[in-house]
Structure formats: C-alpha cells, structure tokens
Amino acid sequence: MAICDTCGNDYWLSFEVRTIGGETHTFDSFECAIQKLAPVCEHCGCKVVGHGVEASGSFFCCGHCARSSDVAAGAQIKDAVGVRPA
C-alpha cells in the first residue's frame, strides 16, 4: 500500500504519476492528482482539467478566460472555428 500525497490515505490501489520535471507523486484517486498537479486558470482560478489554453506562458481553462485576461496573446485565442450550427 502507498500513501496519497494529497490526502494521506493509505490505499492498496494507489498509483504513481511521474512529471516531466522528474518528480514522482503517489495518489489514491484522480481527484487528488488533479488537486495537486492541475494548473490553475489565471483568470477565473479554476483547475484546468481538460486541454485548456496557453497564451504567452499563462494557462487558462478556456478561450473566454484567455481573451478576458491582460495577456496580449490571449486576445487571439478562439474556442471554435467556423460557422455556428443552425
């Protein structure tokens, strides 16, 4: 068994995540992994769980937040391309 880095639970189905920076973390759930590792949107403060967007080194949960920020490149971010379906 291994102890979760986020909540301290000692769980027999825990798993490890290795980051690109070489760190190894142990978690008992995806929820705990998200709380510890997911970036935070620099506009609204929510955890970026999906793809999100990056503009000039800043992370955002969506194009709206990127466009609403003070980041110059954020104004160029679009959520979708094309014509809205009828």
Protein backbone atom coordinates (compact mmCIF):
# COMPACT_ATOMS: atom_id res chain seq x y z
CA MET A 1 0.00 0.00 0.00
CA ALA A 2 1.07 3.57 -0.56
CA ILE A 3 0.09 6.90 0.98
CA CYS A 4 -1.56 9.58 -1.15
CA ASP A 5 0.49 12.79 -1.46
CA THR A 6 -2.66 14.93 -1.30
CA CYS A 7 -4.94 13.41 1.36
CA GLY A 8 -2.68 10.98 3.22
CA ASN A 9 -4.93 7.96 2.60
CA ASP A 10 -3.12 4.62 2.69
CA TYR A 11 -4.75 2.75 -0.22
CA TRP A 12 -3.93 -0.57 -1.87
CA LEU A 13 -4.96 0.72 -5.34
CA SER A 14 -2.86 3.88 -5.24
CA PHE A 15 -0.92 4.87 -8.35
CA GLU A 16 2.12 6.97 -9.25
CA VAL A 17 2.40 9.91 -11.62
CA ARG A 18 5.78 10.98 -12.97
CA THR A 19 6.05 14.57 -14.13
CA ILE A 20 8.16 15.83 -16.99
CA GLY A 21 10.31 17.54 -14.36
CA GLY A 22 11.22 14.14 -12.90
CA GLU A 23 9.07 14.28 -9.76
CA THR A 24 7.09 11.19 -8.72
CA HIS A 25 3.79 11.57 -6.86
CA THR A 26 1.53 8.94 -5.32
CA PHE A 27 -2.27 9.32 -5.35
CA ASP A 28 -5.29 7.31 -4.27
CA SER A 29 -7.63 8.95 -6.82
CA PHE A 30 -7.69 11.13 -9.90
CA GLU A 31 -9.36 13.80 -7.77
CA CYS A 32 -6.30 14.02 -5.53
CA ALA A 33 -3.97 14.04 -8.57
CA ILE A 34 -5.93 16.94 -10.08
CA GLN A 35 -5.82 18.92 -6.84
CA LYS A 36 -2.05 18.55 -6.62
CA LEU A 37 -0.95 18.75 -10.28
CA ALA A 38 -3.51 20.56 -12.44
CA PRO A 39 -2.66 24.13 -13.42
CA VAL A 40 -4.96 26.93 -12.24
CA CYS A 41 -6.68 29.26 -14.71
CA GLU A 42 -5.01 32.65 -14.37
CA HIS A 43 -8.31 34.46 -14.99
CA CYS A 44 -11.04 32.63 -13.03
CA GLY A 45 -8.94 30.46 -10.70
CA CYS A 46 -10.49 27.07 -11.52
CA LYS A 47 -8.38 23.95 -12.03
CA VAL A 48 -7.62 23.28 -15.71
CA VAL A 49 -8.74 19.66 -16.02
CA GLY A 50 -9.16 19.48 -19.81
CA HIS A 51 -6.85 20.76 -22.51
CA GLY A 52 -7.27 24.42 -21.61
CA VAL A 53 -5.26 27.01 -23.50
CA GLU A 54 -1.84 28.57 -23.05
CA ALA A 55 -1.03 32.12 -24.11
CA SER A 56 2.39 33.69 -23.53
CA GLY A 57 3.20 31.14 -20.82
CA SER A 58 -0.07 31.68 -18.93
CA PHE A 59 -2.65 28.89 -18.55
CA PHE A 60 -6.41 29.36 -18.93
CA CYS A 61 -9.35 26.96 -18.72
CA CYS A 62 -10.93 28.29 -21.94
CA GLY A 63 -10.64 30.85 -24.72
CA HIS A 64 -13.02 33.23 -22.94
CA CYS A 65 -10.73 33.45 -19.91
CA ALA A 66 -7.67 33.92 -22.15
CA ARG A 67 -9.39 36.76 -24.03
CA SER A 68 -10.56 38.34 -20.75
CA SER A 69 -7.06 38.41 -19.29
CA ASP A 70 -4.35 41.04 -19.58
CA VAL A 71 -2.18 38.65 -21.63
CA ALA A 72 -1.71 40.15 -25.11
CA ALA A 73 -1.68 36.79 -26.90
CA GLY A 74 -4.94 35.85 -25.14
CA ALA A 75 -6.89 38.12 -27.48
CA GLN A 76 -6.02 35.77 -30.36
CA ILE A 77 -7.42 32.62 -28.71
CA LYS A 78 -10.63 31.25 -30.22
CA ASP A 79 -12.80 28.47 -28.74
CA ALA A 80 -14.10 27.24 -32.10
CA VAL A 81 -13.55 27.96 -35.76
CA GLY A 82 -16.28 28.12 -38.35
CA VAL A 83 -19.95 28.91 -38.57
CA ARG A 84 -22.24 28.19 -35.66
CA PRO A 85 -24.53 25.26 -36.45
CA ALA A 86 -28.20 26.08 -37.00
